[in-house]
Amino acid sequence: QVQLVESGGDSVQPGESLRLSCTASGSLYNIYAMAWYRQTPGNERELVAGILNTGTTNYADSVRGRFTLSRDNAKNTADLQMNRLKPEDTAVYYCYLVQENFEYWGQGTQVTVSS
């Protein structure tokens, strides 16, 4: 079994920054990808940024150039640095991991951007 624990969610003003952290634990042996998704009420969960075991990253158009995803394979962490936050970034952010065709989700952390 794999557990994902997120941290770093907070309430900030537009233009400020936040760093979300995801730590994976448990039976980890061949992680294929880690990612961050977000979801707002009434909407589907959407991909924010993902990183493969090769180091290849992918970003949603809405966050490209503002958010940076980094992964520490030794620590099994995936951190999302979010700069120049906008009110439309407000959502619950979820960490996601794929290993051997199994998918795992964290419980989510709230990010609120409001003046």
Protein backbone atom coordinates (compact mmCIF):
# COMPACT_ATOMS: atom_id res chain seq x y z
CA GLN A 1 0.00 0.00 0.00
CA VAL A 2 1.07 3.56 -0.71
CA GLN A 3 0.20 6.66 1.28
CA LEU A 4 0.44 10.24 0.08
CA VAL A 5 0.54 13.16 2.49
CA GLU A 6 0.20 16.72 1.23
CA SER A 7 1.10 19.91 3.02
CA GLY A 8 1.51 23.60 2.31
CA GLY A 9 -2.02 24.70 1.49
CA ASP A 10 -2.96 28.13 2.78
CA SER A 11 -4.87 31.33 2.13
CA VAL A 12 -2.86 33.98 0.30
CA GLN A 13 -3.38 37.17 -1.65
CA PRO A 14 -3.10 37.43 -5.42
CA GLY A 15 0.49 37.62 -6.58
CA GLU A 16 1.88 35.73 -3.61
CA SER A 17 3.55 32.32 -3.63
CA LEU A 18 2.99 28.95 -2.01
CA ARG A 19 4.86 25.67 -2.02
CA LEU A 20 2.93 22.42 -1.80
CA SER A 21 4.71 19.27 -0.74
CA CYS A 22 3.71 15.65 -1.25
CA THR A 23 5.47 12.82 0.52
CA ALA A 24 4.90 9.23 -0.54
CA SER A 25 5.42 6.34 1.83
CA GLY A 26 4.70 2.64 2.03
CA SER A 27 5.50 0.01 -0.55
CA LEU A 28 7.39 2.11 -3.08
CA TYR A 29 9.53 0.37 -5.65
CA ASN A 30 8.80 1.57 -9.16
CA ILE A 31 7.07 4.95 -9.24
CA TYR A 32 6.14 5.83 -12.81
CA ALA A 33 4.80 9.32 -12.25
CA MET A 34 3.80 11.85 -9.65
CA ALA A 35 1.52 14.78 -10.22
CA TRP A 36 -0.63 17.46 -8.71
CA TYR A 37 -4.29 17.84 -9.62
CA ARG A 38 -6.81 20.41 -8.41
CA GLN A 39 -10.54 20.52 -8.08
CA THR A 40 -13.14 23.19 -7.45
CA PRO A 41 -16.75 22.58 -6.40
CA GLY A 42 -18.87 21.23 -9.22
CA ASN A 43 -15.92 20.63 -11.50
CA GLU A 44 -13.81 17.64 -12.44
CA ARG A 45 -10.36 17.19 -11.09
CA GLU A 46 -7.81 18.66 -13.49
CA LEU A 47 -4.13 18.07 -13.98
CA VAL A 48 -1.94 20.94 -12.80
CA ALA A 49 1.51 19.45 -13.31
CA GLY A 50 3.03 16.01 -13.63
CA ILE A 51 6.49 14.50 -13.70
CA LEU A 52 7.55 11.12 -15.00
CA ASN A 53 10.32 8.92 -13.66
CA THR A 54 12.41 10.18 -16.58
CA GLY A 55 12.13 13.72 -15.27
CA THR A 56 9.84 14.86 -18.06
CA THR A 57 7.34 17.41 -16.82
CA ASN A 58 3.97 18.54 -18.10
CA TYR A 59 2.00 21.62 -17.06
CA ALA A 60 -1.51 22.87 -17.60
CA ASP A 61 -1.53 25.90 -19.86
CA SER A 62 -3.07 27.97 -17.09
CA VAL A 63 -0.07 27.48 -14.79
CA ARG A 64 2.86 27.13 -17.18
CA GLY A 65 5.50 29.71 -16.36
CA ARG A 66 4.12 30.30 -12.86
CA PHE A 67 4.26 26.83 -11.29
CA THR A 68 7.23 24.51 -11.07
CA LEU A 69 7.07 20.84 -10.14
CA SER A 70 10.11 19.12 -8.74
CA ARG A 71 10.64 15.57 -7.56
CA ASP A 72 13.14 14.08 -5.18
CA ASN A 73 13.38 10.39 -5.99
CA ALA A 74 15.46 9.62 -2.92
CA LYS A 75 12.91 11.19 -0.58
CA ASN A 76 9.83 10.20 -2.65
CA THR A 77 8.55 13.74 -2.66
CA ALA A 78 6.98 15.96 -5.27
CA ASP A 79 6.87 19.67 -4.56
CA LEU A 80 4.84 22.24 -6.43
CA GLN A 81 6.16 25.78 -6.28
CA MET A 82 3.34 28.16 -7.13
CA ASN A 83 4.23 31.76 -7.94
CA ARG A 84 2.13 34.74 -8.96
CA LEU A 85 -0.99 33.07 -7.67
CA LYS A 86 -4.35 34.14 -9.04
CA PRO A 87 -7.87 33.86 -7.59
CA GLU A 88 -8.63 31.22 -10.22
CA ASP A 89 -5.95 29.02 -8.68
CA THR A 90 -8.21 28.58 -5.68
CA ALA A 91 -8.95 24.86 -5.32
CA VAL A 92 -8.26 21.73 -3.39
CA TYR A 93 -4.94 20.36 -4.60
CA TYR A 94 -4.36 16.62 -4.68
CA CYS A 95 -1.15 14.67 -4.97
CA TYR A 96 -1.25 11.72 -7.36
CA LEU A 97 1.11 8.79 -7.89
CA VAL A 98 1.23 5.95 -10.38
CA GLN A 99 3.12 2.77 -9.67
CA GLU A 100 2.80 -0.53 -11.56
CA ASN A 101 -0.54 0.52 -13.05
CA PHE A 102 -1.95 1.40 -9.64
CA GLU A 103 -3.07 4.93 -8.90
CA TYR A 104 -2.96 6.62 -5.52
CA TRP A 105 -4.36 9.91 -4.29
CA GLY A 106 -3.69 12.11 -1.33
CA GLN A 107 -6.47 13.62 0.74
CA GLY A 108 -5.99 17.11 -0.64
CA THR A 109 -4.90 20.47 0.64
CA GLN A 110 -6.83 23.71 0.25
CA VAL A 111 -5.33 26.67 -1.57
CA THR A 112 -7.29 29.91 -1.44
CA VAL A 113 -6.21 33.01 -3.33
CA SER A 114 -8.24 36.07 -2.41
CA SER A 115 -7.78 39.71 -1.67
